[in-house]
Amino acid sequence: MPLRAFTRLTDRLLVHLGEKAVLRGEWQSELDPPRLERMVNVKHGAEFADVNDQAIFQRSIATLRKADGPHTKNDSLWMLNDLGEPYAYFALDALVKDNGYTEQWVIVGAPAPVVPDPEPEPDPELPEP
């Protein structure tokens, strides 16, 4: 019973705090658009200390539901606007925390993926060369 309660709690927190996103992995073709929308919480400026507490670094963190896996370092995260169009791209860099229900990943900005345009259809009104 506690397992279901924590799963529901995780889902509700991500619905209220998260943003729509899709996760792309190397198992998908570049031409196949990702379809499974997920709720992801992104926090920019999270502080981390090194092993000796000598330096503090700021990183961006994404919190993902563990049940939405698989998550690997080669995945990319596409943040979606209200129309379902990608507006920001991130690469999963390093797993920071896994509590059994969520995973927190350091994310880094990634360039927009290059998706080739489809071949234009010939205009039927123009004569053939």
N, C-alpha and C. Protein backbone atom coordinates (compact mmCIF):
# COMPACT_ATOMS: atom_id res chain seq x y z
N MET A 1 0.81 -1.20 0.00
CA MET A 1 0.00 0.00 0.00
C MET A 1 0.86 1.27 0.00
N PRO A 2 1.95 1.36 0.81
CA PRO A 2 2.75 2.58 0.78
C PRO A 2 3.37 2.84 -0.58
N LEU A 3 3.68 1.77 -1.33
CA LEU A 3 4.27 1.94 -2.64
C LEU A 3 3.34 2.72 -3.56
N ARG A 4 2.06 2.37 -3.59
CA ARG A 4 1.09 3.10 -4.42
C ARG A 4 0.95 4.54 -3.97
N ALA A 5 0.98 4.78 -2.66
CA ALA A 5 0.82 6.14 -2.15
C ALA A 5 1.99 7.02 -2.59
N PHE A 6 3.22 6.50 -2.52
CA PHE A 6 4.38 7.28 -2.95
C PHE A 6 4.39 7.48 -4.46
N THR A 7 3.91 6.49 -5.20
CA THR A 7 3.83 6.64 -6.66
C THR A 7 2.83 7.73 -7.02
N ARG A 8 1.66 7.73 -6.38
CA ARG A 8 0.66 8.79 -6.64
C ARG A 8 1.19 10.15 -6.23
N LEU A 9 1.88 10.22 -5.11
CA LEU A 9 2.45 11.47 -4.64
C LEU A 9 3.47 12.01 -5.65
N THR A 10 4.31 11.14 -6.15
CA THR A 10 5.30 11.54 -7.16
C THR A 10 4.61 12.06 -8.40
N ASP A 11 3.60 11.35 -8.87
CA ASP A 11 2.87 11.78 -10.07
C ASP A 11 2.23 13.15 -9.87
N ARG A 12 1.61 13.35 -8.72
CA ARG A 12 0.93 14.64 -8.46
C ARG A 12 1.93 15.79 -8.34
N LEU A 13 3.05 15.53 -7.69
CA LEU A 13 4.07 16.59 -7.58
C LEU A 13 4.59 17.00 -8.96
N LEU A 14 4.86 16.03 -9.81
CA LEU A 14 5.37 16.37 -11.14
C LEU A 14 4.30 17.05 -11.99
N VAL A 15 3.03 16.72 -11.80
CA VAL A 15 1.97 17.41 -12.54
C VAL A 15 1.91 18.87 -12.13
N HIS A 16 2.06 19.15 -10.84
CA HIS A 16 1.95 20.54 -10.36
C HIS A 16 3.24 21.33 -10.57
N LEU A 17 4.39 20.70 -10.43
CA LEU A 17 5.66 21.42 -10.51
C LEU A 17 6.36 21.27 -11.86
N GLY A 18 5.95 20.30 -12.64
CA GLY A 18 6.70 19.97 -13.85
C GLY A 18 6.22 20.68 -15.10
N GLU A 19 6.96 20.42 -16.16
CA GLU A 19 6.64 20.91 -17.49
C GLU A 19 6.55 19.71 -18.41
N LYS A 20 5.84 19.89 -19.53
CA LYS A 20 5.75 18.82 -20.51
C LYS A 20 7.09 18.65 -21.20
N ALA A 21 7.47 17.40 -21.41
CA ALA A 21 8.72 17.10 -22.09
C ALA A 21 8.61 15.72 -22.72
N VAL A 22 9.50 15.46 -23.66
CA VAL A 22 9.64 14.12 -24.22
C VAL A 22 11.10 13.73 -24.10
N LEU A 23 11.32 12.45 -23.98
CA LEU A 23 12.66 11.93 -23.85
C LEU A 23 12.99 11.16 -25.10
N ARG A 24 14.10 11.49 -25.72
CA ARG A 24 14.56 10.78 -26.92
C ARG A 24 15.79 9.99 -26.57
N GLY A 25 15.82 8.75 -27.03
CA GLY A 25 16.98 7.92 -26.79
C GLY A 25 17.58 7.45 -28.10
N GLU A 26 18.69 6.75 -28.00
CA GLU A 26 19.33 6.29 -29.22
C GLU A 26 18.57 5.14 -29.85
N TRP A 27 17.54 4.61 -29.18
CA TRP A 27 16.74 3.54 -29.76
C TRP A 27 15.76 4.10 -30.80
N GLN A 28 15.61 5.44 -30.88
CA GLN A 28 14.67 6.04 -31.82
C GLN A 28 15.41 6.58 -33.03
N SER A 29 14.75 6.54 -34.16
CA SER A 29 15.30 7.11 -35.39
C SER A 29 15.19 8.63 -35.31
N GLU A 30 16.10 9.33 -35.96
CA GLU A 30 16.03 10.80 -35.98
C GLU A 30 14.78 11.29 -36.70
N LEU A 31 14.24 10.47 -37.61
CA LEU A 31 13.06 10.89 -38.35
C LEU A 31 11.77 10.63 -37.59
N ASP A 32 11.81 9.75 -36.59
CA ASP A 32 10.62 9.45 -35.81
C ASP A 32 10.49 10.44 -34.67
N PRO A 33 9.44 11.25 -34.67
CA PRO A 33 9.30 12.19 -33.55
C PRO A 33 8.93 11.43 -32.28
N PRO A 34 9.43 11.89 -31.13
CA PRO A 34 9.05 11.24 -29.88
C PRO A 34 7.59 11.53 -29.59
N ARG A 35 6.88 10.58 -29.01
CA ARG A 35 5.45 10.74 -28.81
C ARG A 35 5.02 10.75 -27.34
N LEU A 36 5.76 10.11 -26.46
CA LEU A 36 5.33 9.98 -25.08
C LEU A 36 5.68 11.24 -24.30
N GLU A 37 4.65 12.02 -23.96
CA GLU A 37 4.88 13.21 -23.16
C GLU A 37 4.99 12.82 -21.70
N ARG A 38 5.92 13.45 -21.01
CA ARG A 38 6.14 13.21 -19.59
C ARG A 38 6.14 14.56 -18.89
N MET A 39 5.92 14.52 -17.60
CA MET A 39 6.06 15.73 -16.80
C MET A 39 7.44 15.67 -16.14
N VAL A 40 8.21 16.72 -16.34
CA VAL A 40 9.59 16.78 -15.85
C VAL A 40 9.76 18.10 -15.11
N ASN A 41 10.38 18.05 -13.95
CA ASN A 41 10.68 19.27 -13.21
C ASN A 41 12.14 19.64 -13.47
N VAL A 42 12.36 20.84 -14.00
CA VAL A 42 13.71 21.32 -14.29
C VAL A 42 14.03 22.46 -13.33
N LYS A 43 15.16 22.36 -12.67
CA LYS A 43 15.61 23.42 -11.75
C LYS A 43 16.99 23.87 -12.22
N HIS A 44 17.10 25.16 -12.52
CA HIS A 44 18.38 25.72 -12.95
C HIS A 44 19.07 26.35 -11.74
N GLY A 45 20.36 26.21 -11.65
CA GLY A 45 21.13 26.83 -10.58
C GLY A 45 21.21 26.02 -9.30
N ALA A 46 20.99 24.72 -9.37
CA ALA A 46 21.15 23.88 -8.18
C ALA A 46 22.63 23.83 -7.82
N GLU A 47 22.93 23.93 -6.53
CA GLU A 47 24.33 23.99 -6.10
C GLU A 47 24.83 22.62 -5.63
N PHE A 48 26.06 22.30 -6.07
CA PHE A 48 26.74 21.06 -5.69
C PHE A 48 28.12 21.42 -5.18
N ALA A 49 28.60 20.67 -4.20
CA ALA A 49 29.97 20.84 -3.70
C ALA A 49 30.82 19.68 -4.19
N ASP A 50 32.10 19.94 -4.35
CA ASP A 50 32.99 18.85 -4.75
C ASP A 50 33.25 17.95 -3.54
N VAL A 51 34.06 16.94 -3.72
CA VAL A 51 34.29 15.93 -2.68
C VAL A 51 34.84 16.55 -1.40
N ASN A 52 35.74 17.52 -1.51
CA ASN A 52 36.37 18.13 -0.34
C ASN A 52 35.67 19.39 0.13
N ASP A 53 34.51 19.68 -0.43
CA ASP A 53 33.76 20.91 -0.12
C ASP A 53 34.61 22.16 -0.36
N GLN A 54 35.50 22.09 -1.33
CA GLN A 54 36.36 23.21 -1.65
C GLN A 54 35.69 24.18 -2.63
N ALA A 55 34.86 23.65 -3.50
CA ALA A 55 34.24 24.49 -4.53
C ALA A 55 32.76 24.13 -4.64
N ILE A 56 31.99 25.11 -5.04
CA ILE A 56 30.55 24.91 -5.24
C ILE A 56 30.25 25.18 -6.71
N PHE A 57 29.53 24.26 -7.31
CA PHE A 57 29.17 24.38 -8.71
C PHE A 57 27.67 24.53 -8.85
N GLN A 58 27.23 25.27 -9.84
CA GLN A 58 25.81 25.37 -10.14
C GLN A 58 25.51 24.59 -11.40
N ARG A 59 24.47 23.79 -11.34
CA ARG A 59 24.07 22.96 -12.47
C ARG A 59 22.55 23.01 -12.62
N SER A 60 22.09 22.56 -13.77
CA SER A 60 20.65 22.39 -14.00
C SER A 60 20.31 20.93 -13.75
N ILE A 61 19.17 20.71 -13.07
CA ILE A 61 18.74 19.37 -12.67
C ILE A 61 17.35 19.10 -13.24
N ALA A 62 17.17 17.90 -13.78
CA ALA A 62 15.85 17.46 -14.24
C ALA A 62 15.41 16.29 -13.36
N THR A 63 14.18 16.36 -12.86
CA THR A 63 13.62 15.27 -12.07
C THR A 63 12.62 14.53 -12.95
N LEU A 64 12.85 13.23 -13.15
CA LEU A 64 12.03 12.39 -14.01
C LEU A 64 11.44 11.25 -13.20
N ARG A 65 10.24 10.80 -13.59
CA ARG A 65 9.69 9.60 -12.97
C ARG A 65 10.53 8.40 -13.36
N LYS A 66 10.88 7.59 -12.40
CA LYS A 66 11.68 6.40 -12.71
C LYS A 66 10.89 5.41 -13.56
N ALA A 67 9.58 5.36 -13.37
CA ALA A 67 8.74 4.43 -14.13
C ALA A 67 8.70 4.77 -15.61
N ASP A 68 9.07 5.99 -15.99
CA ASP A 68 9.07 6.38 -17.40
C ASP A 68 10.33 5.95 -18.12
N GLY A 69 11.25 5.25 -17.44
CA GLY A 69 12.55 4.88 -18.00
C GLY A 69 12.43 4.21 -19.35
N PRO A 70 13.46 3.80 -19.98
CA PRO A 70 14.83 3.79 -19.47
C PRO A 70 15.49 5.15 -19.65
N HIS A 71 16.27 5.56 -18.70
CA HIS A 71 17.03 6.79 -18.80
C HIS A 71 18.50 6.44 -18.85
N THR A 72 19.19 6.96 -19.84
CA THR A 72 20.62 6.74 -19.95
C THR A 72 21.30 8.06 -20.25
N LYS A 73 22.59 8.05 -20.16
CA LYS A 73 23.36 9.27 -20.40
C LYS A 73 23.25 9.72 -21.86
N ASN A 74 22.86 8.84 -22.77
CA ASN A 74 22.76 9.18 -24.18
C ASN A 74 21.40 9.73 -24.57
N ASP A 75 20.48 9.88 -23.62
CA ASP A 75 19.15 10.41 -23.93
C ASP A 75 19.18 11.92 -24.01
N SER A 76 18.22 12.47 -24.72
CA SER A 76 18.05 13.92 -24.75
C SER A 76 16.63 14.25 -24.32
N LEU A 77 16.48 15.39 -23.72
CA LEU A 77 15.20 15.83 -23.17
C LEU A 77 14.73 17.02 -23.98
N TRP A 78 13.53 16.92 -24.55
CA TRP A 78 12.96 18.01 -25.33
C TRP A 78 11.84 18.62 -24.51
N MET A 79 11.97 19.88 -24.12
CA MET A 79 10.93 20.57 -23.38
C MET A 79 9.90 21.08 -24.37
N LEU A 80 8.60 20.95 -24.03
CA LEU A 80 7.52 21.31 -24.94
C LEU A 80 6.76 22.53 -24.45
N ASN A 81 6.32 23.36 -25.40
CA ASN A 81 5.46 24.49 -25.03
C ASN A 81 4.01 24.03 -24.98
N ASP A 82 3.08 24.97 -24.83
CA ASP A 82 1.66 24.61 -24.70
C ASP A 82 1.10 23.98 -25.97
N LEU A 83 1.72 24.24 -27.11
CA LEU A 83 1.26 23.67 -28.38
C LEU A 83 1.88 22.30 -28.65
N GLY A 84 2.75 21.84 -27.78
CA GLY A 84 3.40 20.55 -27.96
C GLY A 84 4.62 20.61 -28.85
N GLU A 85 5.15 21.82 -29.10
CA GLU A 85 6.34 21.98 -29.94
C GLU A 85 7.56 22.13 -29.05
N PRO A 86 8.68 21.51 -29.41
CA PRO A 86 9.89 21.64 -28.59
C PRO A 86 10.43 23.07 -28.62
N TYR A 87 10.83 23.57 -27.45
CA TYR A 87 11.42 24.90 -27.38
C TYR A 87 12.81 24.89 -26.73
N ALA A 88 13.16 23.81 -26.05
CA ALA A 88 14.49 23.72 -25.43
C ALA A 88 14.93 22.26 -25.47
N TYR A 89 16.24 22.08 -25.62
CA TYR A 89 16.81 20.75 -25.73
C TYR A 89 17.91 20.60 -24.69
N PHE A 90 17.90 19.48 -23.98
CA PHE A 90 18.92 19.20 -22.99
C PHE A 90 19.43 17.78 -23.17
N ALA A 91 20.66 17.55 -22.80
CA ALA A 91 21.22 16.20 -22.78
C ALA A 91 21.35 15.77 -21.33
N LEU A 92 20.98 14.52 -21.03
CA LEU A 92 21.18 13.98 -19.69
C LEU A 92 22.67 13.73 -19.53
N ASP A 93 23.25 14.31 -18.48
CA ASP A 93 24.70 14.24 -18.32
C ASP A 93 25.13 13.24 -17.25
N ALA A 94 24.54 13.33 -16.05
CA ALA A 94 24.95 12.44 -14.97
C ALA A 94 23.79 12.23 -14.00
N LEU A 95 23.63 10.99 -13.58
CA LEU A 95 22.60 10.67 -12.59
C LEU A 95 23.09 11.15 -11.22
N VAL A 96 22.27 11.97 -10.57
CA VAL A 96 22.64 12.52 -9.27
C VAL A 96 22.00 11.74 -8.14
N LYS A 97 20.71 11.41 -8.31
CA LYS A 97 19.98 10.81 -7.21
C LYS A 97 18.89 9.89 -7.76
N ASP A 98 18.67 8.78 -7.10
CA ASP A 98 17.60 7.84 -7.45
C ASP A 98 16.97 7.38 -6.14
N ASN A 99 15.72 7.81 -5.90
CA ASN A 99 15.07 7.43 -4.65
C ASN A 99 14.08 6.28 -4.83
N GLY A 100 14.09 5.66 -5.99
CA GLY A 100 13.18 4.56 -6.26
C GLY A 100 11.92 4.99 -6.99
N TYR A 101 11.54 6.26 -6.87
CA TYR A 101 10.35 6.79 -7.55
C TYR A 101 10.72 7.82 -8.60
N THR A 102 11.77 8.59 -8.33
CA THR A 102 12.24 9.59 -9.29
C THR A 102 13.75 9.47 -9.46
N GLU A 103 14.20 10.01 -10.57
CA GLU A 103 15.64 10.13 -10.82
C GLU A 103 15.94 11.59 -11.07
N GLN A 104 17.04 12.07 -10.51
CA GLN A 104 17.49 13.44 -10.77
C GLN A 104 18.76 13.36 -11.59
N TRP A 105 18.74 14.07 -12.72
CA TRP A 105 19.86 14.07 -13.66
C TRP A 105 20.39 15.48 -13.82
N VAL A 106 21.71 15.61 -13.89
CA VAL A 106 22.32 16.87 -14.32
C VAL A 106 22.06 16.95 -15.82
N ILE A 107 21.57 18.10 -16.28
CA ILE A 107 21.31 18.28 -17.70
C ILE A 107 22.15 19.43 -18.22
N VAL A 108 22.52 19.33 -19.46
CA VAL A 108 23.28 20.39 -20.12
C VAL A 108 22.54 20.78 -21.39
N GLY A 109 22.64 22.04 -21.74
CA GLY A 109 22.00 22.51 -22.96
C GLY A 109 22.58 21.81 -24.17
N ALA A 110 21.72 21.46 -25.09
CA ALA A 110 22.15 20.75 -26.30
C ALA A 110 21.66 21.53 -27.51
N PRO A 111 22.39 21.46 -28.60
CA PRO A 111 21.90 22.12 -29.81
C PRO A 111 20.64 21.44 -30.32
N ALA A 112 19.83 22.19 -31.01
CA ALA A 112 18.60 21.63 -31.57
C ALA A 112 18.95 20.51 -32.54
N PRO A 113 18.21 19.41 -32.48
CA PRO A 113 18.51 18.31 -33.40
C PRO A 113 18.20 18.70 -34.84
N VAL A 114 18.97 18.16 -35.74
CA VAL A 114 18.77 18.42 -37.16
C VAL A 114 17.88 17.32 -37.72
N VAL A 115 16.70 17.72 -38.14
CA VAL A 115 15.77 16.78 -38.75
C VAL A 115 15.60 17.21 -40.19
N PRO A 116 15.91 16.35 -41.15
CA PRO A 116 15.82 16.76 -42.55
C PRO A 116 14.39 17.06 -42.95
N ASP A 117 14.25 18.09 -43.81
CA ASP A 117 12.94 18.43 -44.34
C ASP A 117 12.51 17.37 -45.34
N PRO A 118 11.21 17.07 -45.40
CA PRO A 118 10.77 16.11 -46.39
C PRO A 118 10.90 16.70 -47.80
N GLU A 119 11.04 15.83 -48.78
CA GLU A 119 11.14 16.28 -50.17
C GLU A 119 9.86 17.02 -50.54
N PRO A 120 9.98 18.19 -51.19
CA PRO A 120 8.76 18.91 -51.59
C PRO A 120 8.02 18.14 -52.68
N GLU A 121 6.73 18.19 -52.62
CA GLU A 121 5.90 17.54 -53.63
C GLU A 121 5.92 18.39 -54.90
N PRO A 122 5.99 17.78 -56.07
CA PRO A 122 5.98 18.57 -57.31
C PRO A 122 4.62 19.25 -57.49
N ASP A 123 4.67 20.47 -58.00
CA ASP A 123 3.45 21.23 -58.24
C ASP A 123 2.81 20.69 -59.52
N PRO A 124 1.56 20.21 -59.47
CA PRO A 124 0.94 19.63 -60.64
C PRO A 124 0.68 20.66 -61.76
N GLU A 125 0.65 21.95 -61.41
CA GLU A 125 0.35 22.96 -62.42
C GLU A 125 1.58 23.34 -63.23
N LEU A 126 2.78 23.02 -62.74
CA LEU A 126 3.99 23.35 -63.48
C LEU A 126 4.32 22.23 -64.47
N PRO A 127 4.78 22.62 -65.68
CA PRO A 127 5.15 21.57 -66.65
C PRO A 127 6.43 20.87 -66.21
N GLU A 128 6.56 19.62 -66.59
CA GLU A 128 7.76 18.83 -66.30
C GLU A 128 8.92 19.35 -67.13
N PRO A 129 10.14 19.40 -66.58
CA PRO A 129 11.29 19.88 -67.39
C PRO A 129 11.73 18.87 -68.40
